[in-house]
Protein backbone atom coordinates (compact mmCIF):
# COMPACT_ATOMS: atom_id res chain seq x y z
CA MET A 1 164.95 105.95 125.81
CA SER A 2 164.78 106.39 122.19
CA THR A 3 165.57 103.67 118.88
CA PRO A 4 169.03 104.45 117.60
CA LYS A 5 168.83 105.86 113.96
CA CYS A 6 171.16 105.94 111.15
CA SER A 7 170.76 108.23 107.79
CA TRP A 8 171.09 105.08 104.67
CA PRO A 9 171.92 106.86 101.01
CA ILE A 10 169.70 106.48 98.48
CA SER A 11 171.84 108.41 95.95
CA ALA A 12 174.91 111.14 95.90
CA LYS A 13 172.32 113.64 97.51
CA GLN A 14 169.88 112.16 99.44
CA THR A 15 169.59 109.81 102.60
CA LEU A 16 166.52 107.81 104.24
CA GLU A 17 166.76 107.12 107.93
CA PHE A 18 166.31 104.39 109.35
CA GLU A 19 166.05 102.95 112.94
CA ILE A 20 168.20 100.67 114.27
CA TYR A 21 167.60 97.19 116.18
CA ASP A 22 169.95 94.88 117.98
CA SER A 23 167.04 92.38 118.49
CA ASN A 24 165.24 90.67 115.76
CA ASP A 25 162.00 90.57 118.17
CA GLY A 26 158.39 92.86 118.79
CA TRP A 27 158.05 93.47 115.02
CA HIS A 28 154.99 95.30 114.19
CA LYS A 29 152.27 94.89 112.05
CA VAL A 30 153.86 97.35 109.44
CA GLY A 31 155.12 97.44 106.10
CA GLY A 32 158.19 98.42 105.12
CA ILE A 33 162.53 98.46 104.31
CA TYR A 34 165.03 96.52 106.51
CA ILE A 35 169.04 96.85 106.08
CA PHE A 36 170.26 93.61 107.59
CA SER A 37 174.28 94.84 108.17
CA TYR A 38 176.68 95.36 110.47
CA GLN A 39 178.54 97.83 112.27
CA GLN A 40 182.62 98.21 111.50
CA LYS A 41 185.14 99.46 114.03
CA ALA A 42 185.59 103.10 112.75
CA GLY A 43 182.00 103.17 113.10
CA SER A 44 180.23 103.26 110.10
CA TRP A 45 177.53 100.88 108.66
CA ILE A 46 178.19 97.71 106.04
CA ALA A 47 174.77 96.42 104.80
CA LEU A 48 174.79 93.49 103.77
CA TYR A 49 171.22 92.38 102.63
CA VAL A 50 168.27 95.15 101.73
CA GLY A 51 164.74 93.85 101.43
CA GLN A 52 161.62 95.29 102.02
CA THR A 53 158.04 93.66 103.45
CA LYS A 54 154.30 94.64 103.41
CA ASP A 55 154.66 93.30 107.46
CA PHE A 56 158.03 93.48 110.31
CA SER A 57 155.50 91.18 112.23
CA GLU A 58 156.14 88.25 110.11
CA ARG A 59 159.35 89.19 108.20
CA PRO A 60 162.17 89.92 108.59
CA ALA A 61 162.59 87.41 111.88
CA THR A 62 161.84 85.15 109.23
CA HIS A 63 163.78 85.56 105.80
CA ASP A 64 165.09 82.76 104.36
CA ARG A 65 169.05 84.64 104.70
CA LEU A 66 168.72 86.40 108.03
CA ASP A 67 171.05 83.37 108.95
CA GLU A 68 173.31 83.85 106.21
CA ALA A 69 173.62 87.36 106.79
CA VAL A 70 174.87 86.66 111.05
CA ARG A 71 177.35 84.00 108.93
CA LEU A 72 178.37 87.06 106.96
CA GLY A 73 178.53 88.61 110.17
CA ALA A 74 174.99 90.84 110.84
CA THR A 75 174.12 92.51 114.29
CA HIS A 76 171.76 94.01 113.61
CA ILE A 77 168.58 95.41 111.45
CA HIS A 78 168.08 98.58 110.36
CA ALA A 79 164.17 99.08 109.81
CA ARG A 80 162.20 102.23 108.02
CA VAL A 81 157.94 101.67 107.41
CA VAL A 82 157.22 102.25 104.57
CA SER A 83 153.75 101.91 103.87
CA LEU A 84 152.62 101.98 100.47
CA GLN A 85 153.80 98.96 98.25
CA ALA A 86 155.22 101.33 94.83
CA ASP A 87 157.42 102.98 97.27
CA ARG A 88 158.85 100.10 98.96
CA ASP A 89 159.43 98.88 95.25
CA ARG A 90 161.34 102.17 94.67
CA ILE A 91 163.42 102.46 97.99
CA GLU A 92 164.36 98.92 97.92
CA ALA A 93 165.98 99.13 94.11
CA ALA A 94 167.43 102.75 94.77
CA LEU A 95 169.12 101.27 98.43
CA ILE A 96 170.15 98.33 96.63
CA GLN A 97 171.73 100.22 93.40
CA TYR A 98 173.52 102.83 95.24
CA LEU A 99 174.93 99.98 98.10
CA GLN A 100 175.31 97.14 96.17
CA PRO A 101 174.65 94.87 99.31
CA PRO A 102 176.64 91.44 98.85
CA MET A 103 173.85 89.57 99.54
CA ASN A 104 171.53 91.66 96.71
CA SER A 105 171.67 90.05 93.44
CA GLN A 106 168.08 91.11 91.97
CA LEU A 107 167.75 95.17 91.15
CA ARG A 108 171.41 96.12 90.17
């Protein structure tokens, strides 16, 4: 079975596809962007926190704000592999600026 996917907007004209995970284990040692999120009854996803990592196997599983995200309703982690640090910086900033997740105060 393939991993479910979701497209997140980074601008009014561009989206990026993320894989959707409902468990916080089995991460691989690759860099990328992740989103702590939940799905509304109507089916749309709400981003609570956007972050980046150089190694998914170390993070988001140990992220210091994961418990807070869960308290706010996070049920899933959306992830996208992004190898280059410069690309991770650009995508993370674009997602935060466009989505305005409540747990992100930087990069707004």
